[in-house]
Amino acid sequence: METRNQPSATAVQFRSSSWAHSGGVLCLGLPQRLTLFIVLFAVEWIPLTYLVHKDVGAGRLLQLTVVFSALFLSFAYARAKPVLQQISTELESLPIGWGFLIGHLCAFLGFIGASFLGNPSGAYSYLMAAMWISAGFAAIGLAGFAFIPPQIVRRLIHVGGKTWAYALVVAIIAQQLARSWVWNLAFLWNGVLLKPVTDLTFTLVYALLRLVLHDVIANRATMQMGNPAFSIIIAPMCSGIEGTVLMLVFSVAWLVFFRRELRFPRAFLLVPASMLIMWLSNAVRITALILIGIGGAKKIAVNGFHSEAGWIAFNCVAMGFVLTAQRVQWFSIARPKKLPEASATHNPTLAYLLPFLMILAAGMVSRAASAGFEWLYPLRFLAAAAALLYFRSTYKELDWKFGWIAPLIGSIVFAIWLVLDSTTGAQGGKGIATGLAALPAAARILWITTRTVAAAVTVPIAEELAFRGFLIRRVMSADFQSLDIKKYSFVALLVSSLAFGLMHGERWIAGTFAGLLYAAAMLRRGRIGDAVVAHATTNALLAVWVLVGGRWDLW
């Protein structure tokens, strides 16, 4: 028998019969509602792709929302299965919020409508951009509330505890990897890695197509694949390396987070297995895309399906990884789960990570509203400042003193940054120069001032709290606050520095060196103030270099 109000701690699986009707109400549990949430956005992505130009980044926030939702529920489910089972059971008796769903549709249509208003100038442009961003956020939020009522959302956040921050970090890093250094590194290794992987993908797609088609066109010289009615070019970016690297990030993050609940070294086998499955799913995606195009829906194949099928596949493979890691005893160690504590008023993890996450989130919003020039960059400064102000009492416990060695290290990092940057021959920054030239004088001064202050104040504080104050100690212990800030391991030092470097995209080598030196500044006397001042010195010198020399590409 199944008790609806008091589920057994061993009954951790969501009910498979949650699609049934009960008293005129469609019984939908938590997994079914999450599935509908993802399907809704997958369907709406097609008109979004047709009607909204991709340069504005309209889909980035949507992609992050879907990936974060899946990761958060995966982590929370592993941490508090009985509680989530109870929430899922309660949801079965609640109807879908049709009012919220109608509101979502109105906001979605408003988002598309605002996208058609062109690029107005002056104060009107700021108003329209604010309307566009607000409509996008409203569409996502209202859709979430339609499937999961606000009061249940609050309980989910409470049950998840710190896992929401962990899931958000992994989702943001995965998206950043997909759009920055992965492709730079992949093309750097074009002859060693990317071309063989692309050739393997081409061969597998050809084999799959031959199972259902007889007139397959397969020109390996041009990488053309299809038939006389419809064909595509399998470019290097379609090789599957992007999804494979995303799965690598996810699987390693999962193993680290649940390292005490897995059997090592056998759990390491999950990493290459999930990467292989992700790569195979990419070949299936390309095959399906070609078949959709041959079937007559060419625009859907090239636009909507091509854009979103990869993210859907990533979520599916990631969820499969989670289920395997948790339920297959050969990989997992069965342990009773503790229910989350009732009080979560003091959350040190949040205090260390939120300012940095606010900068990343604000950056996504500001880039989404830009077309080559991030005119909403001040939003990053305001978001970080608000988070730092909110947790100011927590930061009083830290040592913010600094010595002469801090600015010296910051100057050394500045020199290293310029030397490494000169070896790449990178040129750019035209978008900033052009965008600033188009602004009125007052707006131009405000943008430059905010950009400089953010670089020298809020960014160093937020990033040092996250990477040096939190990550170094968190790698060594879940109870990171109990560790002396002078304590470190070489693995923790390397992980935090490499993570810091990767967040700087194509300048990840310089970023990694910077992370190591900032960590050295902090660990020397156990003062986070030294790391912050060193970081601030580097950024201030870079700002002067940019403004005096016109090196906008460094920003």
Protein backbone atom coordinates (compact mmCIF):
# COMPACT_ATOMS: atom_id res chain seq x y z
CA MET A 1 0.00 0.00 0.00
CA GLU A 2 1.07 3.58 -0.65
CA THR A 3 0.49 6.28 1.94
CA ARG A 4 -0.13 9.57 0.17
CA ASN A 5 0.51 11.93 3.09
CA GLN A 6 3.45 10.13 4.72
CA PRO A 7 5.58 8.44 2.05
CA SER A 8 8.10 5.91 3.26
CA ALA A 9 11.74 6.95 3.24
CA THR A 10 12.42 3.95 1.06
CA ALA A 11 9.76 4.89 -1.47
CA VAL A 12 11.97 7.29 -3.33
CA GLN A 13 10.72 6.80 -6.87
CA PHE A 14 8.20 9.21 -8.32
CA ARG A 15 4.92 7.54 -9.12
CA SER A 16 4.73 6.37 -12.70
CA SER A 17 0.94 6.71 -12.74
CA SER A 18 0.95 10.47 -12.27
CA TRP A 19 -0.66 11.12 -15.66
CA ALA A 20 -4.00 9.68 -14.52
CA HIS A 21 -7.15 11.69 -13.87
CA SER A 22 -8.54 12.07 -10.35
CA GLY A 23 -11.76 13.92 -9.66
CA GLY A 24 -11.56 15.86 -12.89
CA VAL A 25 -7.97 16.96 -12.14
CA LEU A 26 -5.09 15.75 -14.27
CA CYS A 27 -2.69 14.15 -11.77
CA LEU A 28 0.74 15.50 -12.63
CA GLY A 29 3.68 14.90 -10.33
CA LEU A 30 6.91 16.88 -10.22
CA PRO A 31 8.71 14.98 -13.05
CA GLN A 32 5.72 15.33 -15.39
CA ARG A 33 5.41 19.04 -14.68
CA LEU A 34 9.12 19.59 -15.32
CA THR A 35 8.75 17.68 -18.58
CA LEU A 36 5.86 19.89 -19.67
CA PHE A 37 7.86 22.98 -18.69
CA ILE A 38 10.71 21.90 -20.98
CA VAL A 39 8.38 20.82 -23.81
CA LEU A 40 6.57 24.18 -23.68
CA PHE A 41 9.79 26.10 -24.27
CA ALA A 42 10.99 23.61 -26.87
CA VAL A 43 7.78 24.24 -28.86
CA GLU A 44 7.95 28.01 -28.43
CA TRP A 45 11.58 28.04 -29.52
CA ILE A 46 10.49 27.50 -33.15
CA PRO A 47 8.61 30.81 -33.54
CA LEU A 48 11.24 32.47 -31.37
CA THR A 49 13.94 31.34 -33.79
CA TYR A 50 11.95 32.54 -36.80
CA LEU A 51 10.97 35.92 -35.43
CA VAL A 52 13.77 37.04 -33.11
CA HIS A 53 17.24 37.55 -34.51
CA LYS A 54 19.82 35.30 -32.90
CA ASP A 55 22.33 38.14 -32.43
CA VAL A 56 20.33 39.48 -29.50
CA GLY A 57 20.86 36.22 -27.64
CA ALA A 58 17.18 35.64 -27.00
CA GLY A 59 17.67 31.95 -26.29
CA ARG A 60 20.54 32.13 -23.81
CA LEU A 61 18.42 32.83 -20.77
CA LEU A 62 15.92 30.20 -21.86
CA GLN A 63 18.65 27.61 -22.27
CA LEU A 64 20.07 28.45 -18.87
CA THR A 65 16.61 28.17 -17.29
CA VAL A 66 15.97 24.72 -18.73
CA VAL A 67 19.41 23.35 -17.85
CA PHE A 68 19.35 24.87 -14.35
CA SER A 69 15.87 23.43 -13.64
CA ALA A 70 16.98 19.93 -14.61
CA LEU A 71 20.23 20.12 -12.64
CA PHE A 72 18.60 21.63 -9.55
CA LEU A 73 15.94 18.95 -9.34
CA SER A 74 18.54 16.26 -9.99
CA PHE A 75 20.76 17.46 -7.14
CA ALA A 76 17.83 18.11 -4.81
CA TYR A 77 16.30 14.71 -5.58
CA ALA A 78 19.53 12.99 -4.67
CA ARG A 79 19.78 14.97 -1.42
CA ALA A 80 16.17 14.78 -0.20
CA LYS A 81 14.26 12.08 -2.06
CA PRO A 82 11.50 11.52 0.53
CA VAL A 83 10.65 15.21 0.74
CA LEU A 84 10.54 15.61 -3.04
CA GLN A 85 8.38 12.49 -3.22
CA GLN A 86 5.95 14.12 -0.82
CA ILE A 87 5.94 17.37 -2.83
CA SER A 88 5.37 15.39 -6.03
CA THR A 89 2.43 13.61 -4.42
CA GLU A 90 0.92 16.91 -3.29
CA LEU A 91 1.26 18.33 -6.79
CA GLU A 92 -0.87 15.48 -8.14
CA SER A 93 -3.90 16.97 -6.38
CA LEU A 94 -3.29 20.49 -7.71
CA PRO A 95 -4.47 21.67 -11.14
CA ILE A 96 -2.28 23.46 -13.65
CA GLY A 97 -2.40 27.23 -13.15
CA TRP A 98 -4.16 28.21 -16.34
CA GLY A 99 -4.16 31.87 -15.33
CA PHE A 100 -0.37 31.82 -15.07
CA LEU A 101 -0.21 29.96 -18.39
CA ILE A 102 -2.30 32.64 -20.11
CA GLY A 103 -0.08 35.27 -18.53
CA HIS A 104 2.94 33.40 -19.88
CA LEU A 105 1.47 33.44 -23.39
CA CYS A 106 0.83 37.20 -23.18
CA ALA A 107 4.38 37.85 -21.94
CA PHE A 108 5.81 35.60 -24.66
CA LEU A 109 3.87 37.46 -27.36
CA GLY A 110 4.97 40.75 -25.81
CA PHE A 111 8.57 39.58 -25.94
CA ILE A 112 8.29 38.77 -29.64
CA GLY A 113 6.41 42.02 -30.31
CA ALA A 114 9.09 44.08 -28.59
CA SER A 115 11.68 42.34 -30.77
CA PHE A 116 10.00 43.77 -33.88
CA LEU A 117 10.27 47.39 -32.78
CA GLY A 118 13.72 47.81 -34.31
CA ASN A 119 16.56 49.72 -32.69
CA PRO A 120 15.23 53.07 -31.46
CA SER A 121 17.72 55.65 -30.24
CA GLY A 122 17.91 57.85 -27.16
CA ALA A 123 15.98 57.33 -23.96
CA TYR A 124 13.31 55.44 -25.86
CA SER A 125 15.80 52.64 -26.60
CA TYR A 126 16.42 52.09 -22.88
CA LEU A 127 12.68 51.87 -22.22
CA MET A 128 12.16 49.36 -25.02
CA ALA A 129 15.12 47.24 -23.89
CA ALA A 130 13.74 47.19 -20.34
CA MET A 131 10.32 46.10 -21.68
CA TRP A 132 11.96 43.37 -23.79
CA ILE A 133 13.98 41.99 -20.87
CA SER A 134 11.05 42.21 -18.45
CA ALA A 135 8.77 40.35 -20.87
CA GLY A 136 11.35 37.57 -21.22
CA PHE A 137 11.74 37.13 -17.46
CA ALA A 138 7.98 37.29 -16.98
CA ALA A 139 7.41 34.60 -19.63
CA ILE A 140 9.81 32.21 -17.92
CA GLY A 141 8.54 32.91 -14.40
CA LEU A 142 4.85 32.66 -15.28
CA ALA A 143 5.41 29.38 -17.10
CA GLY A 144 7.14 27.98 -14.03
CA PHE A 145 4.31 29.07 -11.73
CA ALA A 146 1.74 27.57 -14.11
CA PHE A 147 3.16 24.09 -13.51
CA ILE A 148 4.50 24.53 -9.97
CA PRO A 149 2.61 26.96 -7.67
CA PRO A 150 4.68 29.70 -5.97
CA GLN A 151 4.28 28.15 -2.51
CA ILE A 152 5.65 24.84 -3.81
CA VAL A 153 8.53 26.67 -5.51
CA ARG A 154 9.51 28.15 -2.13
CA ARG A 155 9.51 24.67 -0.60
CA LEU A 156 11.63 23.30 -3.45
CA ILE A 157 14.19 26.04 -2.89
CA HIS A 158 14.23 25.27 0.83
CA VAL A 159 14.57 21.53 0.24
CA GLY A 160 17.39 22.05 -2.23
CA GLY A 161 19.33 24.18 0.23
CA LYS A 162 22.72 24.99 -1.27
CA THR A 163 22.16 22.81 -4.31
CA TRP A 164 20.43 25.60 -6.23
CA ALA A 165 23.67 27.63 -6.18
CA TYR A 166 25.68 24.57 -7.22
CA ALA A 167 23.27 23.81 -10.08
CA LEU A 168 23.36 27.43 -11.24
CA VAL A 169 27.16 27.47 -11.23
CA VAL A 170 27.35 24.27 -13.28
CA ALA A 171 24.68 25.49 -15.74
CA ILE A 172 26.40 28.85 -16.27
CA ILE A 173 29.84 27.30 -16.65
CA ALA A 174 28.43 24.77 -19.13
CA GLN A 175 26.87 27.53 -21.20
CA GLN A 176 30.03 29.63 -21.04
CA LEU A 177 32.12 26.65 -22.15
CA ALA A 178 29.77 26.05 -25.04
CA ARG A 179 30.24 29.61 -26.29
CA SER A 180 33.82 30.52 -25.51
CA TRP A 181 37.00 28.58 -24.91
CA VAL A 182 35.79 25.15 -26.09
CA TRP A 183 35.69 26.25 -29.69
CA ASN A 184 38.93 28.19 -29.49
CA LEU A 185 40.64 25.12 -28.06
CA ALA A 186 38.92 22.78 -30.50
CA PHE A 187 39.95 24.77 -33.56
CA LEU A 188 43.45 25.03 -32.15
CA TRP A 189 43.52 21.22 -32.16
CA ASN A 190 41.73 21.03 -35.51
CA GLY A 191 44.05 18.48 -37.05
CA VAL A 192 44.52 16.44 -33.87
CA LEU A 193 41.03 16.35 -32.39
CA LEU A 194 38.30 18.21 -34.22
CA LYS A 195 38.71 16.78 -37.72
CA PRO A 196 38.80 13.11 -36.64
CA VAL A 197 35.75 13.63 -34.43
CA THR A 198 33.90 15.34 -37.29
CA ASP A 199 34.83 12.48 -39.63
CA LEU A 200 33.53 9.92 -37.13
CA THR A 201 30.26 11.85 -36.80
CA PHE A 202 29.95 11.98 -40.60
CA THR A 203 30.47 8.22 -40.85
CA LEU A 204 27.93 7.42 -38.13
CA VAL A 205 25.27 9.74 -39.61
CA TYR A 206 25.79 8.13 -43.01
CA ALA A 207 25.31 4.66 -41.49
CA LEU A 208 22.13 5.75 -39.72
CA LEU A 209 20.68 7.36 -42.85
CA ARG A 210 21.36 4.26 -44.92
CA LEU A 211 19.02 2.36 -42.60
CA VAL A 212 16.03 4.37 -43.86
CA LEU A 213 17.14 5.97 -47.16
CA HIS A 214 18.50 4.56 -50.41
CA ASP A 215 19.51 7.77 -52.22
CA VAL A 216 21.89 9.16 -49.61
CA ILE A 217 24.29 11.92 -50.68
CA ALA A 218 27.56 11.66 -48.73
CA ASN A 219 30.42 13.81 -49.97
CA ARG A 220 33.23 13.59 -47.45
CA ALA A 221 35.29 16.26 -49.25
CA THR A 222 32.60 18.89 -48.65
CA MET A 223 31.01 17.11 -45.64
CA GLN A 224 27.64 17.26 -47.41
CA MET A 225 25.03 14.79 -46.20
CA GLY A 226 21.39 14.19 -47.18
CA ASN A 227 19.58 13.35 -50.39
CA PRO A 228 18.56 15.27 -53.55
CA ALA A 229 15.60 16.84 -51.72
CA PHE A 230 17.49 18.17 -48.72
CA SER A 231 21.08 18.12 -47.52
CA ILE A 232 23.28 19.84 -44.98
CA ILE A 233 26.97 20.45 -44.38
CA ILE A 234 28.28 18.76 -41.23
CA ALA A 235 30.59 21.51 -39.99
CA PRO A 236 33.13 21.05 -37.16
CA MET A 237 30.69 22.69 -34.74
CA CYS A 238 28.30 19.81 -35.50
CA SER A 239 30.88 17.19 -34.56
CA GLY A 240 29.43 16.72 -31.09
CA ILE A 241 32.47 18.00 -29.22
CA GLU A 242 30.45 20.81 -27.62
CA GLY A 243 27.91 18.48 -26.03
CA THR A 244 30.65 16.04 -25.09
CA VAL A 245 32.56 18.72 -23.19
CA LEU A 246 29.36 19.91 -21.51
CA MET A 247 28.76 16.36 -20.33
CA LEU A 248 32.34 16.18 -19.07
CA VAL A 249 31.72 19.31 -16.95
CA PHE A 250 28.43 17.97 -15.63
CA SER A 251 29.68 14.47 -14.82
CA VAL A 252 32.84 15.66 -13.06
CA ALA A 253 30.83 18.22 -11.08
CA TRP A 254 28.41 15.48 -10.03
CA LEU A 255 31.21 13.14 -8.92
CA VAL A 256 32.79 15.93 -6.86
CA PHE A 257 29.52 16.97 -5.25
CA PHE A 258 28.49 13.40 -4.33
CA ARG A 259 31.97 11.95 -3.86
CA ARG A 260 31.08 10.46 -0.45
CA GLU A 261 28.11 8.56 -1.90
CA LEU A 262 29.87 6.87 -4.84
CA ARG A 263 32.18 3.90 -5.17
CA PHE A 264 35.57 4.92 -6.55
CA PRO A 265 37.40 4.23 -8.80
CA ARG A 266 34.55 2.48 -10.62
CA ALA A 267 32.42 5.66 -10.52
CA PHE A 268 34.96 7.28 -12.85
CA LEU A 269 33.66 5.00 -15.61
CA LEU A 270 30.49 7.09 -15.67
CA VAL A 271 32.41 10.06 -17.11
CA PRO A 272 33.63 8.54 -20.42
CA ALA A 273 30.38 6.53 -20.73
CA SER A 274 28.23 9.66 -20.48
CA MET A 275 30.50 11.54 -22.89
CA LEU A 276 30.23 8.71 -25.43
CA ILE A 277 26.44 8.60 -25.13
CA MET A 278 26.31 12.38 -25.57
CA TRP A 279 28.39 12.16 -28.73
CA LEU A 280 26.20 9.36 -30.11
CA SER A 281 23.07 11.39 -29.36
CA ASN A 282 24.52 14.22 -31.46
CA ALA A 283 24.78 11.89 -34.44
CA VAL A 284 21.16 10.84 -33.88
CA ARG A 285 20.20 14.54 -33.72
CA ILE A 286 21.84 15.27 -37.08
CA THR A 287 20.16 12.22 -38.62
CA ALA A 288 16.77 13.34 -37.33
CA LEU A 289 17.41 16.87 -38.59
CA ILE A 290 18.09 15.57 -42.10
CA LEU A 291 14.99 13.37 -42.05
CA ILE A 292 12.84 16.29 -40.88
CA GLY A 293 14.17 18.40 -43.74
CA ILE A 294 13.56 15.62 -46.27
CA GLY A 295 10.04 15.31 -44.91
CA GLY A 296 9.31 18.88 -46.00
CA ALA A 297 9.85 20.88 -42.81
CA LYS A 298 13.15 22.43 -43.88
CA LYS A 299 12.88 25.62 -41.84
CA ILE A 300 11.97 23.74 -38.68
CA ALA A 301 14.93 21.42 -39.21
CA VAL A 302 17.47 24.17 -39.81
CA ASN A 303 16.19 26.62 -37.19
CA GLY A 304 14.18 25.30 -34.26
CA PHE A 305 15.26 21.65 -34.19
CA HIS A 306 18.89 22.41 -34.98
CA SER A 307 19.10 24.98 -32.18
CA GLU A 308 17.39 23.18 -29.34
CA ALA A 309 17.65 19.43 -29.91
CA GLY A 310 21.19 19.45 -28.56
CA TRP A 311 20.13 21.04 -25.26
CA ILE A 312 17.25 18.60 -24.94
CA ALA A 313 19.64 15.71 -25.54
CA PHE A 314 22.03 17.12 -22.93
CA ASN A 315 19.26 17.20 -20.32
CA CYS A 316 18.18 13.65 -21.15
CA VAL A 317 21.71 12.23 -20.95
CA ALA A 318 22.41 14.20 -17.75
CA MET A 319 19.26 12.84 -16.11
CA GLY A 320 20.22 9.33 -17.21
CA PHE A 321 23.65 9.84 -15.65
CA VAL A 322 22.03 10.91 -12.37
CA LEU A 323 19.70 7.91 -12.25
CA THR A 324 22.53 5.50 -13.01
CA ALA A 325 24.86 7.03 -10.43
CA GLN A 326 22.18 6.98 -7.74
CA ARG A 327 20.37 3.71 -8.35
CA VAL A 328 22.99 1.27 -9.63
CA GLN A 329 24.60 -0.16 -6.50
CA TRP A 330 27.77 -1.02 -8.39
CA PHE A 331 28.40 2.75 -8.53
CA SER A 332 26.65 4.09 -5.42
CA ILE A 333 26.88 3.58 -1.68
CA ALA A 334 23.44 3.28 -0.13
CA ARG A 335 23.12 5.67 2.78
CA PRO A 336 20.10 7.10 4.59
CA LYS A 337 19.33 10.69 3.64
CA LYS A 338 18.80 13.36 6.23
CA LEU A 339 15.90 15.72 5.86
CA PRO A 340 16.90 19.36 5.40
CA GLU A 341 16.96 21.50 8.50
CA ALA A 342 14.02 23.77 9.09
CA SER A 343 16.11 26.89 9.32
CA ALA A 344 18.21 28.19 6.48
CA THR A 345 18.62 31.76 7.62
CA HIS A 346 22.41 31.54 7.64
CA ASN A 347 23.82 30.30 4.38
CA PRO A 348 27.58 30.96 4.10
CA THR A 349 27.77 29.38 0.65
CA LEU A 350 25.25 31.88 -0.64
CA ALA A 351 27.19 34.79 0.83
CA TYR A 352 30.35 33.73 -0.97
CA LEU A 353 28.80 32.84 -4.33
CA LEU A 354 25.82 35.12 -4.86
CA PRO A 355 27.74 38.32 -5.80
CA PHE A 356 29.64 36.43 -8.49
CA LEU A 357 26.49 34.70 -9.74
CA MET A 358 24.69 38.03 -9.87
CA ILE A 359 27.43 39.41 -12.13
CA LEU A 360 27.10 36.42 -14.46
CA ALA A 361 23.31 36.60 -14.53
CA ALA A 362 23.31 40.35 -15.13
CA GLY A 363 25.89 39.83 -17.87
CA MET A 364 23.61 37.38 -19.65
CA VAL A 365 20.74 39.86 -19.49
CA SER A 366 22.85 42.80 -20.68
CA ARG A 367 24.39 40.79 -23.54
CA ALA A 368 20.95 39.58 -24.59
CA ALA A 369 19.86 43.21 -25.00
CA SER A 370 22.98 44.20 -26.94
CA ALA A 371 23.92 44.10 -30.59
CA GLY A 372 27.70 44.26 -30.51
CA PHE A 373 27.86 46.75 -27.62
CA GLU A 374 26.85 45.87 -24.08
CA TRP A 375 25.23 49.19 -23.22
CA LEU A 376 23.57 47.67 -20.12
CA TYR A 377 26.92 46.80 -18.50
CA PRO A 378 26.11 49.01 -15.45
CA LEU A 379 23.55 46.34 -14.58
CA ARG A 380 26.45 44.06 -13.61
CA PHE A 381 27.79 46.64 -11.19
CA LEU A 382 24.40 47.23 -9.58
CA ALA A 383 23.66 43.50 -9.24
CA ALA A 384 26.98 42.75 -7.55
CA ALA A 385 26.76 45.80 -5.30
CA ALA A 386 23.27 44.78 -4.15
CA ALA A 387 24.43 41.25 -3.24
CA LEU A 388 27.52 42.53 -1.41
CA LEU A 389 25.42 45.01 0.53
CA TYR A 390 22.91 42.32 1.49
CA PHE A 391 25.58 40.04 3.02
CA ARG A 392 27.72 42.82 4.51
CA SER A 393 27.32 41.46 8.04
CA THR A 394 28.72 38.07 6.99
CA TYR A 395 31.78 39.68 5.42
CA LYS A 396 32.70 41.40 8.70
CA GLU A 397 34.09 38.05 9.87
CA LEU A 398 36.74 38.12 7.10
CA ASP A 399 40.14 39.82 7.29
CA TRP A 400 40.12 42.67 4.77
CA LYS A 401 43.57 44.04 5.70
CA PHE A 402 46.29 44.06 3.05
CA GLY A 403 50.01 44.73 2.74
CA TRP A 404 52.39 46.07 0.13
CA ILE A 405 52.76 42.64 -1.49
CA ALA A 406 49.15 42.77 -2.77
CA PRO A 407 49.53 45.64 -5.27
CA LEU A 408 52.90 44.21 -6.31
CA ILE A 409 51.30 40.87 -7.20
CA GLY A 410 48.50 42.71 -9.00
CA SER A 411 51.07 44.59 -11.09
CA ILE A 412 52.87 41.33 -11.95
CA VAL A 413 49.58 39.78 -13.09
CA PHE A 414 48.94 42.88 -15.23
CA ALA A 415 52.31 42.44 -16.94
CA ILE A 416 51.72 38.70 -17.49
CA TRP A 417 48.27 39.44 -18.89
CA LEU A 418 49.63 41.88 -21.48
CA VAL A 419 52.50 39.59 -22.50
CA LEU A 420 50.25 36.55 -23.00
CA ASP A 421 47.65 38.67 -24.77
CA SER A 422 50.27 39.99 -27.23
CA THR A 423 51.25 36.43 -28.20
CA THR A 424 47.70 35.65 -29.33
CA GLY A 425 47.51 38.66 -31.64
CA ALA A 426 43.92 39.16 -30.58
CA GLN A 427 42.21 42.20 -32.01
CA GLY A 428 38.75 43.42 -31.27
CA GLY A 429 36.84 45.89 -29.22
CA LYS A 430 35.42 47.68 -32.26
CA GLY A 431 31.93 47.07 -30.95
CA ILE A 432 32.73 48.96 -27.73
CA ALA A 433 34.36 51.87 -29.57
CA THR A 434 31.48 52.15 -32.02
CA GLY A 435 28.86 51.77 -29.29
CA LEU A 436 30.43 54.45 -27.11
CA ALA A 437 30.71 56.83 -30.05
CA ALA A 438 26.97 56.48 -30.65
CA LEU A 439 26.07 57.37 -27.05
CA PRO A 440 25.43 60.91 -25.82
CA ALA A 441 28.34 62.41 -23.88
CA ALA A 442 26.67 61.96 -20.47
CA ALA A 443 25.78 58.32 -21.17
CA ARG A 444 29.29 57.65 -22.45
CA ILE A 445 30.87 59.05 -19.27
CA LEU A 446 28.44 57.08 -17.10
CA TRP A 447 29.21 53.81 -18.95
CA ILE A 448 32.99 54.25 -18.74
CA THR A 449 32.84 55.27 -15.09
CA THR A 450 30.63 52.34 -14.12
CA ARG A 451 32.76 49.91 -16.13
CA THR A 452 35.93 51.13 -14.44
CA VAL A 453 34.49 51.13 -10.91
CA ALA A 454 33.06 47.65 -11.42
CA ALA A 455 36.42 46.36 -12.67
CA ALA A 456 38.31 47.81 -9.72
CA VAL A 457 35.78 47.26 -6.91
CA THR A 458 32.80 44.92 -7.24
CA VAL A 459 34.35 42.39 -9.64
CA PRO A 460 37.51 41.76 -7.54
CA ILE A 461 35.49 41.39 -4.34
CA ALA A 462 32.89 39.07 -5.88
CA GLU A 463 35.40 36.87 -7.71
CA GLU A 464 37.80 36.58 -4.78
CA LEU A 465 34.97 35.59 -2.46
CA ALA A 466 33.87 32.89 -4.90
CA PHE A 467 37.18 31.45 -6.10
CA ARG A 468 39.63 32.09 -3.26
CA GLY A 469 37.37 32.53 -0.24
CA PHE A 470 34.99 29.67 -1.10
CA LEU A 471 36.19 27.26 -3.78
CA ILE A 472 39.67 26.48 -2.43
CA ARG A 473 38.26 25.43 0.94
CA ARG A 474 35.10 23.84 -0.48
CA VAL A 475 37.15 21.42 -2.57
CA MET A 476 38.79 20.20 0.64
CA SER A 477 35.70 20.05 2.87
CA ALA A 478 31.94 20.50 2.69
CA ASP A 479 32.20 22.40 5.98
CA PHE A 480 34.55 24.91 4.37
CA GLN A 481 34.03 27.60 7.02
CA SER A 482 35.61 25.36 9.66
CA LEU A 483 38.92 25.45 7.76
CA ASP A 484 41.53 28.08 8.39
CA ILE A 485 41.81 30.33 5.35
CA LYS A 486 45.55 29.60 5.33
CA LYS A 487 44.88 25.89 4.87
CA TYR A 488 44.96 24.59 1.31
CA SER A 489 45.86 21.59 -0.80
CA PHE A 490 47.59 21.71 -4.16
CA VAL A 491 44.58 20.05 -5.77
CA ALA A 492 42.24 22.68 -4.34
CA LEU A 493 44.60 25.46 -5.41
CA LEU A 494 44.83 24.09 -8.95
CA VAL A 495 41.07 23.49 -9.27
CA SER A 496 40.13 26.98 -8.11
CA SER A 497 42.76 28.66 -10.30
CA LEU A 498 41.83 26.64 -13.37
CA ALA A 499 38.12 27.35 -12.82
CA PHE A 500 38.94 31.04 -12.53
CA GLY A 501 40.95 30.87 -15.74
CA LEU A 502 38.23 29.07 -17.69
CA MET A 503 35.75 31.82 -16.86
CA HIS A 504 37.95 34.20 -18.89
CA GLY A 505 37.30 32.40 -22.17
CA GLU A 506 40.14 32.49 -24.68
CA ARG A 507 42.39 34.16 -22.09
CA TRP A 508 42.10 31.15 -19.79
CA ILE A 509 45.86 30.63 -19.53
CA ALA A 510 46.43 34.18 -18.29
CA GLY A 511 43.40 33.80 -16.03
CA THR A 512 44.80 30.61 -14.49
CA PHE A 513 48.15 32.29 -13.76
CA ALA A 514 46.26 35.20 -12.22
CA GLY A 515 44.24 32.84 -10.04
CA LEU A 516 47.40 31.17 -8.73
CA LEU A 517 49.02 34.50 -7.85
CA TYR A 518 45.90 35.92 -6.21
CA ALA A 519 45.67 32.74 -4.16
CA ALA A 520 49.31 33.13 -3.15
CA ALA A 521 48.56 36.67 -1.99
CA MET A 522 45.71 35.43 0.21
CA LEU A 523 47.40 32.32 1.59
CA ARG A 524 50.58 34.19 2.56
CA ARG A 525 48.92 35.72 5.62
CA GLY A 526 45.43 34.29 5.44
CA ARG A 527 43.84 37.60 4.46
CA ILE A 528 41.29 37.80 1.68
CA GLY A 529 41.97 41.54 1.56
CA ASP A 530 45.36 40.83 -0.02
CA ALA A 531 43.76 38.83 -2.83
CA VAL A 532 41.09 41.48 -3.43
CA VAL A 533 43.61 44.35 -3.57
CA ALA A 534 45.90 42.36 -5.89
CA HIS A 535 42.96 41.64 -8.18
CA ALA A 536 41.77 45.24 -8.02
CA THR A 537 45.25 46.50 -8.90
CA THR A 538 45.36 44.33 -12.01
CA ASN A 539 41.92 45.43 -13.16
CA ALA A 540 42.62 49.11 -12.44
CA LEU A 541 45.85 48.98 -14.47
CA LEU A 542 44.02 47.24 -17.31
CA ALA A 543 41.34 49.93 -17.21
CA VAL A 544 43.99 52.66 -17.52
CA TRP A 545 45.63 50.75 -20.37
CA VAL A 546 42.28 50.46 -22.15
CA LEU A 547 41.30 54.10 -21.74
CA VAL A 548 44.71 55.59 -22.55
CA GLY A 549 45.70 53.24 -25.34
CA GLY A 550 42.27 52.51 -26.82
CA ARG A 551 42.72 48.76 -26.25
CA TRP A 552 39.00 48.06 -26.01
CA ASP A 553 39.60 44.38 -26.81
CA LEU A 554 40.92 43.94 -23.24
CA TRP A 555 37.43 44.76 -22.00
